[in-house]
Amino acid sequence: MNKLLVLAGLAVGVVGLSACEVVPEHPSMLIKTEPSEAQLTFDTGFVCTSPCKVVLRTPMRVKIAKAGYKAQEKILSQTVSGEVIWVLELAAPTTNVEEESLPEL
């Protein structure tokens, strides 16, 4: 299976493509997100929750959203089929913990 890993919008690599591989007329793509269960909204009106399998008849625009993470917008092309993994970026990443927010022990 072909895999395309996308980190914060940057295509990192494609694995498993060969010169003899035939691309189907309407390739399908399994879209995963890290973390999972992000909402995918396509310009066609189709909405699903990741992981989600779609058939690409034409290039499609998709918005990826999950509470606590920055929303992303991508364009899916018919030239890539297989599996795509999008890593979502925290909206407000922090390593600080406020003392008032800790439960009393």
PDB file of N, CA and C in Angstrom:
ATOM      1  N   MET A   1       0.848  -1.168   0.000  1.00  0.00           N
ATOM      2  CA  MET A   1       0.000   0.000   0.000  1.00  0.00           C
ATOM      3  C   MET A   1       0.894   1.231   0.000  1.00  0.00           C
ATOM      4  N   ASN A   2       0.547   2.205  -0.798  1.00  0.00           N
ATOM      5  CA  ASN A   2       1.312   3.449  -0.849  1.00  0.00           C
ATOM      6  C   ASN A   2       1.037   4.255   0.403  1.00  0.00           C
ATOM      7  N   LYS A   3       2.053   4.899   0.936  1.00  0.00           N
ATOM      8  CA  LYS A   3       1.858   5.714   2.132  1.00  0.00           C
ATOM      9  C   LYS A   3       2.502   7.067   1.929  1.00  0.00           C
ATOM     10  N   LEU A   4       1.784   8.103   2.326  1.00  0.00           N
ATOM     11  CA  LEU A   4       2.291   9.466   2.275  1.00  0.00           C
ATOM     12  C   LEU A   4       2.120  10.028   3.669  1.00  0.00           C
ATOM     13  N   LEU A   5       3.220  10.397   4.305  1.00  0.00           N
ATOM     14  CA  LEU A   5       3.165  10.940   5.654  1.00  0.00           C
ATOM     15  C   LEU A   5       3.277  12.451   5.563  1.00  0.00           C
ATOM     16  N   VAL A   6       2.324  13.152   6.142  1.00  0.00           N
ATOM     17  CA  VAL A   6       2.313  14.596   6.096  1.00  0.00           C
ATOM     18  C   VAL A   6       2.436  15.114   7.518  1.00  0.00           C
ATOM     19  N   LEU A   7       3.503  15.862   7.794  1.00  0.00           N
ATOM     20  CA  LEU A   7       3.732  16.442   9.111  1.00  0.00           C
ATOM     21  C   LEU A   7       3.597  17.947   9.010  1.00  0.00           C
ATOM     22  N   ALA A   8       2.591  18.489   9.684  1.00  0.00           N
ATOM     23  CA  ALA A   8       2.352  19.939   9.693  1.00  0.00           C
ATOM     24  C   ALA A   8       2.374  20.512   8.277  1.00  0.00           C
ATOM     25  N   GLY A   9       1.740  19.795   7.330  1.00  0.00           N
ATOM     26  CA  GLY A   9       1.613  20.305   5.971  1.00  0.00           C
ATOM     27  C   GLY A   9       2.786  19.999   5.076  1.00  0.00           C
ATOM     28  N   LEU A  10       3.803  19.293   5.547  1.00  0.00           N
ATOM     29  CA  LEU A  10       4.989  19.009   4.757  1.00  0.00           C
ATOM     30  C   LEU A  10       4.974  17.546   4.338  1.00  0.00           C
ATOM     31  N   ALA A  11       5.010  17.263   3.048  1.00  0.00           N
ATOM     32  CA  ALA A  11       5.047  15.889   2.567  1.00  0.00           C
ATOM     33  C   ALA A  11       6.425  15.324   2.859  1.00  0.00           C
ATOM     34  N   VAL A  12       6.465  14.225   3.591  1.00  0.00           N
ATOM     35  CA  VAL A  12       7.740  13.668   4.013  1.00  0.00           C
ATOM     36  C   VAL A  12       8.204  12.554   3.094  1.00  0.00           C
ATOM     37  N   GLY A  13       7.331  11.699   2.607  1.00  0.00           N
ATOM     38  CA  GLY A  13       7.808  10.633   1.734  1.00  0.00           C
ATOM     39  C   GLY A  13       6.695   9.788   1.162  1.00  0.00           C
ATOM     40  N   VAL A  14       6.986   9.133   0.058  1.00  0.00           N
ATOM     41  CA  VAL A  14       6.068   8.201  -0.567  1.00  0.00           C
ATOM     42  C   VAL A  14       6.785   6.868  -0.643  1.00  0.00           C
ATOM     43  N   VAL A  15       6.112   5.818  -0.181  1.00  0.00           N
ATOM     44  CA  VAL A  15       6.731   4.502  -0.148  1.00  0.00           C
ATOM     45  C   VAL A  15       5.918   3.550  -1.012  1.00  0.00           C
ATOM     46  N   GLY A  16       6.570   2.724  -1.767  1.00  0.00           N
ATOM     47  CA  GLY A  16       5.883   1.645  -2.470  1.00  0.00           C
ATOM     48  C   GLY A  16       5.430   1.948  -3.879  1.00  0.00           C
ATOM     49  N   LEU A  17       5.798   3.046  -4.456  1.00  0.00           N
ATOM     50  CA  LEU A  17       5.428   3.319  -5.843  1.00  0.00           C
ATOM     51  C   LEU A  17       6.405   2.622  -6.780  1.00  0.00           C
ATOM     52  N   SER A  18       5.893   2.069  -7.846  1.00  0.00           N
ATOM     53  CA  SER A  18       6.774   1.461  -8.831  1.00  0.00           C
ATOM     54  C   SER A  18       6.464   2.033 -10.202  1.00  0.00           C
ATOM     55  N   ALA A  19       7.405   1.924 -11.114  1.00  0.00           N
ATOM     56  CA  ALA A  19       7.230   2.475 -12.457  1.00  0.00           C
ATOM     57  C   ALA A  19       6.113   1.775 -13.215  1.00  0.00           C
ATOM     58  N   CYS A  20       5.803   0.528 -12.849  1.00  0.00           N
ATOM     59  CA  CYS A  20       4.799  -0.249 -13.564  1.00  0.00           C
ATOM     60  C   CYS A  20       3.425  -0.170 -12.919  1.00  0.00           C
ATOM     61  N   GLU A  21       3.299   0.520 -11.816  1.00  0.00           N
ATOM     62  CA  GLU A  21       2.038   0.563 -11.098  1.00  0.00           C
ATOM     63  C   GLU A  21       0.987   1.321 -11.904  1.00  0.00           C
ATOM     64  N   VAL A  22      -0.221   0.762 -11.976  1.00  0.00           N
ATOM     65  CA  VAL A  22      -1.324   1.385 -12.694  1.00  0.00           C
ATOM     66  C   VAL A  22      -2.178   2.134 -11.684  1.00  0.00           C
ATOM     67  N   VAL A  23      -2.441   3.415 -11.931  1.00  0.00           N
ATOM     68  CA  VAL A  23      -3.291   4.209 -11.060  1.00  0.00           C
ATOM     69  C   VAL A  23      -4.726   4.004 -11.518  1.00  0.00           C
ATOM     70  N   PRO A  24      -5.609   3.546 -10.618  1.00  0.00           N
ATOM     71  CA  PRO A  24      -6.996   3.329 -11.015  1.00  0.00           C
ATOM     72  C   PRO A  24      -7.670   4.630 -11.450  1.00  0.00           C
ATOM     73  N   GLU A  25      -8.738   4.487 -12.240  1.00  0.00           N
ATOM     74  CA  GLU A  25      -9.431   5.660 -12.758  1.00  0.00           C
ATOM     75  C   GLU A  25      -9.897   6.577 -11.625  1.00  0.00           C
ATOM     76  N   HIS A  26     -10.425   5.992 -10.554  1.00  0.00           N
ATOM     77  CA  HIS A  26     -10.857   6.748  -9.382  1.00  0.00           C
ATOM     78  C   HIS A  26     -10.189   6.140  -8.160  1.00  0.00           C
ATOM     79  N   PRO A  27      -8.964   6.577  -7.858  1.00  0.00           N
ATOM     80  CA  PRO A  27      -8.239   5.984  -6.729  1.00  0.00           C
ATOM     81  C   PRO A  27      -8.912   6.312  -5.398  1.00  0.00           C
ATOM     82  N   SER A  28      -8.724   5.399  -4.436  1.00  0.00           N
ATOM     83  CA  SER A  28      -9.246   5.654  -3.106  1.00  0.00           C
ATOM     84  C   SER A  28      -8.089   5.989  -2.186  1.00  0.00           C
ATOM     85  N   MET A  29      -8.403   6.682  -1.115  1.00  0.00           N
ATOM     86  CA  MET A  29      -7.393   7.119  -0.168  1.00  0.00           C
ATOM     87  C   MET A  29      -7.944   6.932   1.242  1.00  0.00           C
ATOM     88  N   LEU A  30      -7.134   6.340   2.112  1.00  0.00           N
ATOM     89  CA  LEU A  30      -7.476   6.236   3.521  1.00  0.00           C
ATOM     90  C   LEU A  30      -6.794   7.391   4.229  1.00  0.00           C
ATOM     91  N   ILE A  31      -7.577   8.259   4.838  1.00  0.00           N
ATOM     92  CA  ILE A  31      -7.034   9.431   5.521  1.00  0.00           C
ATOM     93  C   ILE A  31      -7.060   9.172   7.018  1.00  0.00           C
ATOM     94  N   LYS A  32      -5.870   9.263   7.624  1.00  0.00           N
ATOM     95  CA  LYS A  32      -5.744   9.113   9.069  1.00  0.00           C
ATOM     96  C   LYS A  32      -5.181  10.411   9.624  1.00  0.00           C
ATOM     97  N   THR A  33      -5.482  10.674  10.888  1.00  0.00           N
ATOM     98  CA  THR A  33      -4.899  11.829  11.560  1.00  0.00           C
ATOM     99  C   THR A  33      -4.307  11.366  12.881  1.00  0.00           C
ATOM    100  N   GLU A  34      -3.321  12.105  13.330  1.00  0.00           N
ATOM    101  CA  GLU A  34      -2.752  11.877  14.658  1.00  0.00           C
ATOM    102  C   GLU A  34      -2.917  13.160  15.434  1.00  0.00           C
ATOM    103  N   PRO A  35      -3.757  13.199  16.447  1.00  0.00           N
ATOM    104  CA  PRO A  35      -4.572  12.099  16.951  1.00  0.00           C
ATOM    105  C   PRO A  35      -5.759  11.817  16.025  1.00  0.00           C
ATOM    106  N   SER A  36      -6.352  10.649  16.206  1.00  0.00           N
ATOM    107  CA  SER A  36      -7.488  10.249  15.368  1.00  0.00           C
ATOM    108  C   SER A  36      -8.752  10.992  15.797  1.00  0.00           C
ATOM    109  N   GLU A  37      -9.809  10.721  15.088  1.00  0.00           N
ATOM    110  CA  GLU A  37     -11.139  11.287  15.327  1.00  0.00           C
ATOM    111  C   GLU A  37     -11.236  12.785  15.054  1.00  0.00           C
ATOM    112  N   ALA A  38     -10.466  13.246  14.077  1.00  0.00           N
ATOM    113  CA  ALA A  38     -10.620  14.624  13.604  1.00  0.00           C
ATOM    114  C   ALA A  38     -11.761  14.651  12.589  1.00  0.00           C
ATOM    115  N   GLN A  39     -12.435  15.767  12.479  1.00  0.00           N
ATOM    116  CA  GLN A  39     -13.515  15.902  11.510  1.00  0.00           C
ATOM    117  C   GLN A  39     -12.947  16.368  10.181  1.00  0.00           C
ATOM    118  N   LEU A  40     -13.303  15.668   9.099  1.00  0.00           N
ATOM    119  CA  LEU A  40     -12.880  16.021   7.750  1.00  0.00           C
ATOM    120  C   LEU A  40     -14.106  16.528   7.006  1.00  0.00           C
ATOM    121  N   THR A  41     -14.015  17.745   6.477  1.00  0.00           N
ATOM    122  CA  THR A  41     -15.120  18.332   5.728  1.00  0.00           C
ATOM    123  C   THR A  41     -14.620  18.633   4.323  1.00  0.00           C
ATOM    124  N   PHE A  42     -15.233  18.006   3.333  1.00  0.00           N
ATOM    125  CA  PHE A  42     -14.816  18.136   1.943  1.00  0.00           C
ATOM    126  C   PHE A  42     -15.649  19.199   1.237  1.00  0.00           C
ATOM    127  N   ASP A  43     -15.070  19.797   0.192  1.00  0.00           N
ATOM    128  CA  ASP A  43     -15.785  20.829  -0.557  1.00  0.00           C
ATOM    129  C   ASP A  43     -17.023  20.283  -1.259  1.00  0.00           C
ATOM    130  N   THR A  44     -17.135  18.975  -1.352  1.00  0.00           N
ATOM    131  CA  THR A  44     -18.311  18.344  -1.947  1.00  0.00           C
ATOM    132  C   THR A  44     -19.473  18.272  -0.970  1.00  0.00           C
ATOM    133  N   GLY A  45     -19.219  18.594   0.318  1.00  0.00           N
ATOM    134  CA  GLY A  45     -20.253  18.499   1.339  1.00  0.00           C
ATOM    135  C   GLY A  45     -20.140  17.239   2.179  1.00  0.00           C
ATOM    136  N   PHE A  46     -19.300  16.293   1.754  1.00  0.00           N
ATOM    137  CA  PHE A  46     -19.094  15.050   2.495  1.00  0.00           C
ATOM    138  C   PHE A  46     -18.331  15.349   3.782  1.00  0.00           C
ATOM    139  N   VAL A  47     -18.783  14.766   4.894  1.00  0.00           N
ATOM    140  CA  VAL A  47     -18.132  14.936   6.192  1.00  0.00           C
ATOM    141  C   VAL A  47     -17.901  13.556   6.785  1.00  0.00           C
ATOM    142  N   CYS A  48     -16.701  13.341   7.346  1.00  0.00           N
ATOM    143  CA  CYS A  48     -16.417  12.072   8.013  1.00  0.00           C
ATOM    144  C   CYS A  48     -15.447  12.313   9.162  1.00  0.00           C
ATOM    145  N   THR A  49     -15.227  11.274   9.957  1.00  0.00           N
ATOM    146  CA  THR A  49     -14.299  11.336  11.082  1.00  0.00           C
ATOM    147  C   THR A  49     -13.144  10.402  10.795  1.00  0.00           C
ATOM    148  N   SER A  50     -11.915  10.881  11.033  1.00  0.00           N
ATOM    149  CA  SER A  50     -10.742  10.067  10.720  1.00  0.00           C
ATOM    150  C   SER A  50     -10.609   8.913  11.716  1.00  0.00           C
ATOM    151  N   PRO A  51     -10.188   7.736  11.217  1.00  0.00           N
ATOM    152  CA  PRO A  51      -9.779   7.441   9.844  1.00  0.00           C
ATOM    153  C   PRO A  51     -10.993   7.351   8.920  1.00  0.00           C
ATOM    154  N   CYS A  52     -10.785   7.778   7.683  1.00  0.00           N
ATOM    155  CA  CYS A  52     -11.874   7.910   6.724  1.00  0.00           C
ATOM    156  C   CYS A  52     -11.367   7.537   5.331  1.00  0.00           C
ATOM    157  N   LYS A  53     -12.131   6.739   4.600  1.00  0.00           N
ATOM    158  CA  LYS A  53     -11.742   6.348   3.241  1.00  0.00           C
ATOM    159  C   LYS A  53     -12.578   7.140   2.244  1.00  0.00           C
ATOM    160  N   VAL A  54     -11.901   7.740   1.251  1.00  0.00           N
ATOM    161  CA  VAL A  54     -12.593   8.519   0.228  1.00  0.00           C
ATOM    162  C   VAL A  54     -12.144   8.062  -1.159  1.00  0.00           C
ATOM    163  N   VAL A  55     -13.027   8.246  -2.134  1.00  0.00           N
ATOM    164  CA  VAL A  55     -12.715   7.972  -3.534  1.00  0.00           C
ATOM    165  C   VAL A  55     -12.502   9.321  -4.205  1.00  0.00           C
ATOM    166  N   LEU A  56     -11.379   9.453  -4.888  1.00  0.00           N
ATOM    167  CA  LEU A  56     -11.027  10.737  -5.517  1.00  0.00           C
ATOM    168  C   LEU A  56     -11.434  10.736  -6.983  1.00  0.00           C
ATOM    169  N   ARG A  57     -12.526  11.395  -7.299  1.00  0.00           N
ATOM    170  CA  ARG A  57     -12.950  11.510  -8.692  1.00  0.00           C
ATOM    171  C   ARG A  57     -12.347  12.755  -9.334  1.00  0.00           C
ATOM    172  N   THR A  58     -12.125  13.771  -8.526  1.00  0.00           N
ATOM    173  CA  THR A  58     -11.488  15.020  -8.953  1.00  0.00           C
ATOM    174  C   THR A  58     -10.653  15.516  -7.771  1.00  0.00           C
ATOM    175  N   PRO A  59      -9.749  16.442  -7.988  1.00  0.00           N
ATOM    176  CA  PRO A  59      -9.064  17.021  -6.825  1.00  0.00           C
ATOM    177  C   PRO A  59     -10.106  17.623  -5.878  1.00  0.00           C
ATOM    178  N   MET A  60      -9.925  17.396  -4.575  1.00  0.00           N
ATOM    179  CA  MET A  60     -10.886  17.879  -3.586  1.00  0.00           C
ATOM    180  C   MET A  60     -10.169  18.680  -2.504  1.00  0.00           C
ATOM    181  N   ARG A  61     -10.834  19.694  -2.020  1.00  0.00           N
ATOM    182  CA  ARG A  61     -10.337  20.476  -0.891  1.00  0.00           C
ATOM    183  C   ARG A  61     -10.967  19.883   0.370  1.00  0.00           C
ATOM    184  N   VAL A  62     -10.153  19.730   1.411  1.00  0.00           N
ATOM    185  CA  VAL A  62     -10.647  19.173   2.665  1.00  0.00           C
ATOM    186  C   VAL A  62     -10.156  20.026   3.829  1.00  0.00           C
ATOM    187  N   LYS A  63     -11.040  20.248   4.797  1.00  0.00           N
ATOM    188  CA  LYS A  63     -10.685  20.948   6.030  1.00  0.00           C
ATOM    189  C   LYS A  63     -10.635  19.906   7.142  1.00  0.00           C
ATOM    190  N   ILE A  64      -9.571  19.957   7.942  1.00  0.00           N
ATOM    191  CA  ILE A  64      -9.371  19.011   9.031  1.00  0.00           C
ATOM    192  C   ILE A  64      -9.462  19.798  10.329  1.00  0.00           C
ATOM    193  N   ALA A  65     -10.327  19.356  11.251  1.00  0.00           N
ATOM    194  CA  ALA A  65     -10.498  20.080  12.505  1.00  0.00           C
ATOM    195  C   ALA A  65     -10.692  19.115  13.663  1.00  0.00           C
ATOM    196  N   LYS A  66     -10.123  19.476  14.801  1.00  0.00           N
ATOM    197  CA  LYS A  66     -10.310  18.730  16.048  1.00  0.00           C
ATOM    198  C   LYS A  66     -10.127  19.720  17.181  1.00  0.00           C
ATOM    199  N   ALA A  67     -10.989  19.634  18.189  1.00  0.00           N
ATOM    200  CA  ALA A  67     -10.914  20.550  19.329  1.00  0.00           C
ATOM    201  C   ALA A  67      -9.525  20.487  19.958  1.00  0.00           C
ATOM    202  N   GLY A  68      -8.938  21.666  20.194  1.00  0.00           N
ATOM    203  CA  GLY A  68      -7.626  21.761  20.815  1.00  0.00           C
ATOM    204  C   GLY A  68      -6.470  21.757  19.826  1.00  0.00           C
ATOM    205  N   TYR A  69      -6.777  21.605  18.521  1.00  0.00           N
ATOM    206  CA  TYR A  69      -5.747  21.545  17.486  1.00  0.00           C
ATOM    207  C   TYR A  69      -6.019  22.596  16.425  1.00  0.00           C
ATOM    208  N   LYS A  70      -4.965  23.048  15.750  1.00  0.00           N
ATOM    209  CA  LYS A  70      -5.107  24.020  14.668  1.00  0.00           C
ATOM    210  C   LYS A  70      -5.796  23.362  13.484  1.00  0.00           C
ATOM    211  N   ALA A  71      -6.778  24.054  12.922  1.00  0.00           N
ATOM    212  CA  ALA A  71      -7.461  23.559  11.726  1.00  0.00           C
ATOM    213  C   ALA A  71      -6.504  23.633  10.549  1.00  0.00           C
ATOM    214  N   GLN A  72      -6.651  22.695   9.626  1.00  0.00           N
ATOM    215  CA  GLN A  72      -5.818  22.658   8.432  1.00  0.00           C
ATOM    216  C   GLN A  72      -6.711  22.542   7.206  1.00  0.00           C
ATOM    217  N   GLU A  73      -6.190  22.981   6.087  1.00  0.00           N
ATOM    218  CA  GLU A  73      -6.896  22.827   4.816  1.00  0.00           C
ATOM    219  C   GLU A  73      -5.919  22.234   3.817  1.00  0.00           C
ATOM    220  N   LYS A  74      -6.344  21.191   3.115  1.00  0.00           N
ATOM    221  CA  LYS A  74      -5.494  20.487   2.152  1.00  0.00           C
ATOM    222  C   LYS A  74      -6.253  20.324   0.843  1.00  0.00           C
ATOM    223  N   ILE A  75      -5.500  20.066  -0.213  1.00  0.00           N
ATOM    224  CA  ILE A  75      -6.097  19.691  -1.495  1.00  0.00           C
ATOM    225  C   ILE A  75      -5.633  18.277  -1.801  1.00  0.00           C
ATOM    226  N   LEU A  76      -6.592  17.378  -1.990  1.00  0.00           N
ATOM    227  CA  LEU A  76      -6.279  15.992  -2.314  1.00  0.00           C
ATOM    228  C   LEU A  76      -6.278  15.836  -3.824  1.00  0.00           C
ATOM    229  N   SER A  77      -5.249  15.216  -4.335  1.00  0.00           N
ATOM    230  CA  SER A  77      -5.081  15.039  -5.767  1.00  0.00           C
ATOM    231  C   SER A  77      -5.385  13.600  -6.154  1.00  0.00           C
ATOM    232  N   GLN A  78      -5.793  13.394  -7.382  1.00  0.00           N
ATOM    233  CA  GLN A  78      -6.054  12.047  -7.890  1.00  0.00           C
ATOM    234  C   GLN A  78      -4.770  11.271  -8.127  1.00  0.00           C
ATOM    235  N   THR A  79      -3.633  11.923  -8.101  1.00  0.00           N
ATOM    236  CA  THR A  79      -2.377  11.243  -8.416  1.00  0.00           C
ATOM    237  C   THR A  79      -1.850  10.419  -7.249  1.00  0.00           C
ATOM    238  N   VAL A  80      -2.404  10.591  -6.050  1.00  0.00           N
ATOM    239  CA  VAL A  80      -1.945   9.842  -4.883  1.00  0.00           C
ATOM    240  C   VAL A  80      -3.076   8.955  -4.392  1.00  0.00           C
ATOM    241  N   SER A  81      -2.810   7.672  -4.253  1.00  0.00           N
ATOM    242  CA  SER A  81      -3.789   6.774  -3.658  1.00  0.00           C
ATOM    243  C   SER A  81      -3.084   6.010  -2.557  1.00  0.00           C
ATOM    244  N   GLY A  82      -3.839   5.372  -1.730  1.00  0.00           N
ATOM    245  CA  GLY A  82      -3.258   4.610  -0.637  1.00  0.00           C
ATOM    246  C   GLY A  82      -3.661   5.192   0.693  1.00  0.00           C
ATOM    247  N   GLU A  83      -2.671   5.547   1.519  1.00  0.00           N
ATOM    248  CA  GLU A  83      -2.914   6.006   2.875  1.00  0.00           C
ATOM    249  C   GLU A  83      -2.188   7.323   3.131  1.00  0.00           C
ATOM    250  N   VAL A  84      -2.890   8.259   3.757  1.00  0.00           N
ATOM    251  CA  VAL A  84      -2.309   9.548   4.119  1.00  0.00           C
ATOM    252  C   VAL A  84      -2.470   9.714   5.624  1.00  0.00           C
ATOM    253  N   ILE A  85      -1.412  10.175   6.286  1.00  0.00           N
ATOM    254  CA  ILE A  85      -1.479  10.451   7.723  1.00  0.00           C
ATOM    255  C   ILE A  85      -1.128  11.919   7.931  1.00  0.00           C
ATOM    256  N   TRP A  86      -2.059  12.661   8.522  1.00  0.00           N
ATOM    257  CA  TRP A  86      -1.812  14.058   8.837  1.00  0.00           C
ATOM    258  C   TRP A  86      -1.633  14.192  10.335  1.00  0.00           C
ATOM    259  N   VAL A  87      -0.533  14.793  10.737  1.00  0.00           N
ATOM    260  CA  VAL A  87      -0.262  15.031  12.150  1.00  0.00           C
ATOM    261  C   VAL A  87      -0.781  16.425  12.484  1.00  0.00           C
ATOM    262  N   LEU A  88      -1.709  16.481  13.433  1.00  0.00           N
ATOM    263  CA  LEU A  88      -2.307  17.750  13.813  1.00  0.00           C
ATOM    264  C   LEU A  88      -1.426  18.467  14.823  1.00  0.00           C
ATOM    265  N   GLU A  89      -1.429  19.795  14.753  1.00  0.00           N
ATOM    266  CA  GLU A  89      -0.615  20.623  15.632  1.00  0.00           C
ATOM    267  C   GLU A  89      -1.496  21.206  16.738  1.00  0.00           C
ATOM    268  N   LEU A  90      -1.031  21.093  17.989  1.00  0.00           N
ATOM    269  CA  LEU A  90      -1.778  21.656  19.109  1.00  0.00           C
ATOM    270  C   LEU A  90      -2.000  23.146  18.895  1.00  0.00           C
ATOM    271  N   ALA A  91      -3.182  23.628  19.270  1.00  0.00           N
ATOM    272  CA  ALA A  91      -3.498  25.039  19.097  1.00  0.00           C
ATOM    273  C   ALA A  91      -2.711  25.906  20.068  1.00  0.00           C
ATOM    274  N   ALA A  92      -2.495  25.431  21.285  1.00  0.00           N
ATOM    275  CA  ALA A  92      -1.765  26.212  22.289  1.00  0.00           C
ATOM    276  C   ALA A  92      -0.852  25.269  23.070  1.00  0.00           C
ATOM    277  N   PRO A  93       0.218  24.784  22.419  1.00  0.00           N
ATOM    278  CA  PRO A  93       1.083  23.837  23.129  1.00  0.00           C
ATOM    279  C   PRO A  93       1.798  24.502  24.300  1.00  0.00           C
ATOM    280  N   THR A  94       1.871  23.782  25.417  1.00  0.00           N
ATOM    281  CA  THR A  94       2.556  24.311  26.588  1.00  0.00           C
ATOM    282  C   THR A  94       3.017  23.157  27.461  1.00  0.00           C
ATOM    283  N   THR A  95       4.072  23.388  28.168  1.00  0.00           N
ATOM    284  CA  THR A  95       4.535  22.401  29.150  1.00  0.00           C
ATOM    285  C   THR A  95       4.340  22.943  30.553  1.00  0.00           C
ATOM    286  N   ASN A  96       3.844  24.180  30.660  1.00  0.00           N
ATOM    287  CA  ASN A  96       3.610  24.797  31.964  1.00  0.00           C
ATOM    288  C   ASN A  96       2.285  24.321  32.542  1.00  0.00           C
ATOM    289  N   VAL A  97       2.282  24.045  33.829  1.00  0.00           N
ATOM    290  CA  VAL A  97       1.058  23.670  34.526  1.00  0.00           C
ATOM    291  C   VAL A  97       0.826  24.700  35.614  1.00  0.00           C
ATOM    292  N   GLU A  98      -0.344  25.323  35.578  1.00  0.00           N
ATOM    293  CA  GLU A  98      -0.657  26.309  36.596  1.00  0.00           C
ATOM    294  C   GLU A  98      -1.059  25.606  37.879  1.00  0.00           C
ATOM    295  N   GLU A  99      -0.493  26.045  38.973  1.00  0.00           N
ATOM    296  CA  GLU A  99      -0.728  25.396  40.262  1.00  0.00           C
ATOM    297  C   GLU A  99      -2.206  25.397  40.627  1.00  0.00           C
ATOM    298  N   GLU A 100      -2.922  26.471  40.274  1.00  0.00           N
ATOM    299  CA  GLU A 100      -4.350  26.566  40.623  1.00  0.00           C
ATOM    300  C   GLU A 100      -5.179  25.510  39.911  1.00  0.00           C
ATOM    301  N   SER A 101      -4.716  25.014  38.750  1.00  0.00           N
ATOM    302  CA  SER A 101      -5.491  24.046  37.979  1.00  0.00           C
ATOM    303  C   SER A 101      -5.313  22.615  38.478  1.00  0.00           C
ATOM    304  N   LEU A 102      -4.376  22.396  39.384  1.00  0.00           N
ATOM    305  CA  LEU A 102      -4.159  21.050  39.919  1.00  0.00           C
ATOM    306  C   LEU A 102      -5.186  20.730  40.997  1.00  0.00           C
ATOM    307  N   PRO A 103      -5.660  19.499  41.049  1.00  0.00           N
ATOM    308  CA  PRO A 103      -6.618  19.137  42.091  1.00  0.00           C
ATOM    309  C   PRO A 103      -5.929  19.053  43.452  1.00  0.00           C
ATOM    310  N   GLU A 104      -6.698  19.313  44.498  1.00  0.00           N
ATOM    311  CA  GLU A 104      -6.144  19.197  45.845  1.00  0.00           C
ATOM    312  C   GLU A 104      -6.003  17.724  46.187  1.00  0.00           C
ATOM    313  N   LEU A 105      -4.912  17.401  46.878  1.00  0.00           N
ATOM    314  CA  LEU A 105      -4.678  16.014  47.260  1.00  0.00           C
ATOM    315  C   LEU A 105      -5.012  15.776  48.696  1.00  0.00           C
TER     316      LEU A 105
END
